[in-house]
Structure formats: structure tokens, C-alpha cells
Amino acid sequence: MNRSVRRISKIRRVIANRQDDLTVVMENVHDPHNVSAVLRTCDAVGILQVELVYTTEKFPRIGKKSSSSAGKWVERRKHASLDECYRTLRASGMRIYAAVLDDKARSLYDIDCTAPVAFVFGNEHRGVSDDAAAGADGTFKIPMLGMIESLNISVACGITLFEALRQRLRLDRFPPAPLDEKQQAELARQWLQR
């Protein structure tokens, strides 16, 4: 099998497993290494598109080396406001959970990640904003037993998304993909041009 045929085959296989009902919202995440790591994890678990809300920070410049070109394979949709982002997600039937470290937050492991869901992760220093937490359908946290009470955003996102993947694999969600044949063909056409 020549290189071109292998590339086309891989693109089709990856697209067949893309999930349009699982996503991440990055709220004012400014560190390009963290953004790159999140994009890489999103690609690894089959996320089609991430949501970007940058109201106090600028979206960072991402190098190809740090993201392993994951930005090429994960679509990014920018929103002018948090309200706009949440309206868009809810219009597509998603429940929204914000990562928050407080006693009221549910354990990640108690959330049904097989349903359409968006996970909100905040800025490295400030975390998820109060507005993002209040506007979400709920808050969640990753159970931790050590002295340190928080994880790096890319680590927290990785744990969260691989829990979603684990739940979806357990229910044989991969395949079939939520994308229909026409959507898959269009995405393959775009990817072949990259």
C-alpha cells in the first residue's frame, strides 16, 4: 500500500470516529503549551471541535512542534462571549459542566459522559470564571487524595476526556460516528488539503 493510500485510509478511519457531541470549552487559557496539549488530547479521543472563549486573554500562538499539529485536525470555534458559547452548545443538545474546585462540584466519575457533553476548563491562574460556573448545567471535579488541590489544565482535561472515552467505548460508541456520510466526505476533502 503506497503512502497516499495509507494517508487516505487513516483519515477516513479517524473521521469515522470523530465525536460531534463531546467537546471542550477553553476559557481564557493563555499558555500555548497548555492549549496545544489540550488540542492533542482532543484529537486523541476523537473530538471534532473545541470551543474557545477569550474575553480577557488573547488566543495564544501555537507552534506546530508543541501540538504535534493537532490543531490541524481539531476544529476551533471562537465565541465573542461565554453566553454565546453556552447558547450554541445548548442549541446542539449538550449539557455543560465546568471544572471547579469546591464542595458542591460532582465527581467526574458520576457524570454521564455518553450523553452530549461539553467540559469547561479555565485559565491557568484564575480557573473557570464565576460566570462560566454559574451558567453551566453543573460543576465537576476530579477526585484527588494528595496535598495539592489542583492539576494542570492539560492534565485535568486529559483525565476528563479519557473518562468520557472510557464510558463511550464501554457502550460501543466507536463506531458508528455521529457524523453522516456526507459530513465525513466533506471533512475528508478538507483534511486531504491540509
Foldseek 3Di string as FASTA:
>chain_A
DDPVVVVLVVLLLLLQQAAALEEEEEEQAADQLLVLLLLLLCSVLRHAEYEYEYDPHDHYDHDCVSNVVSPLRHHYDYDPHPVVVVVVSVVVPEAEEEEDPDPQAAELLPDQLQGRYYYYWYYQPPIDDPVNQVPGPGYYYHDDDDPDRDDGRSVRSNVNSVSSSVNCVVVVVRPRYPDDPVRSVVSSVSSVVD
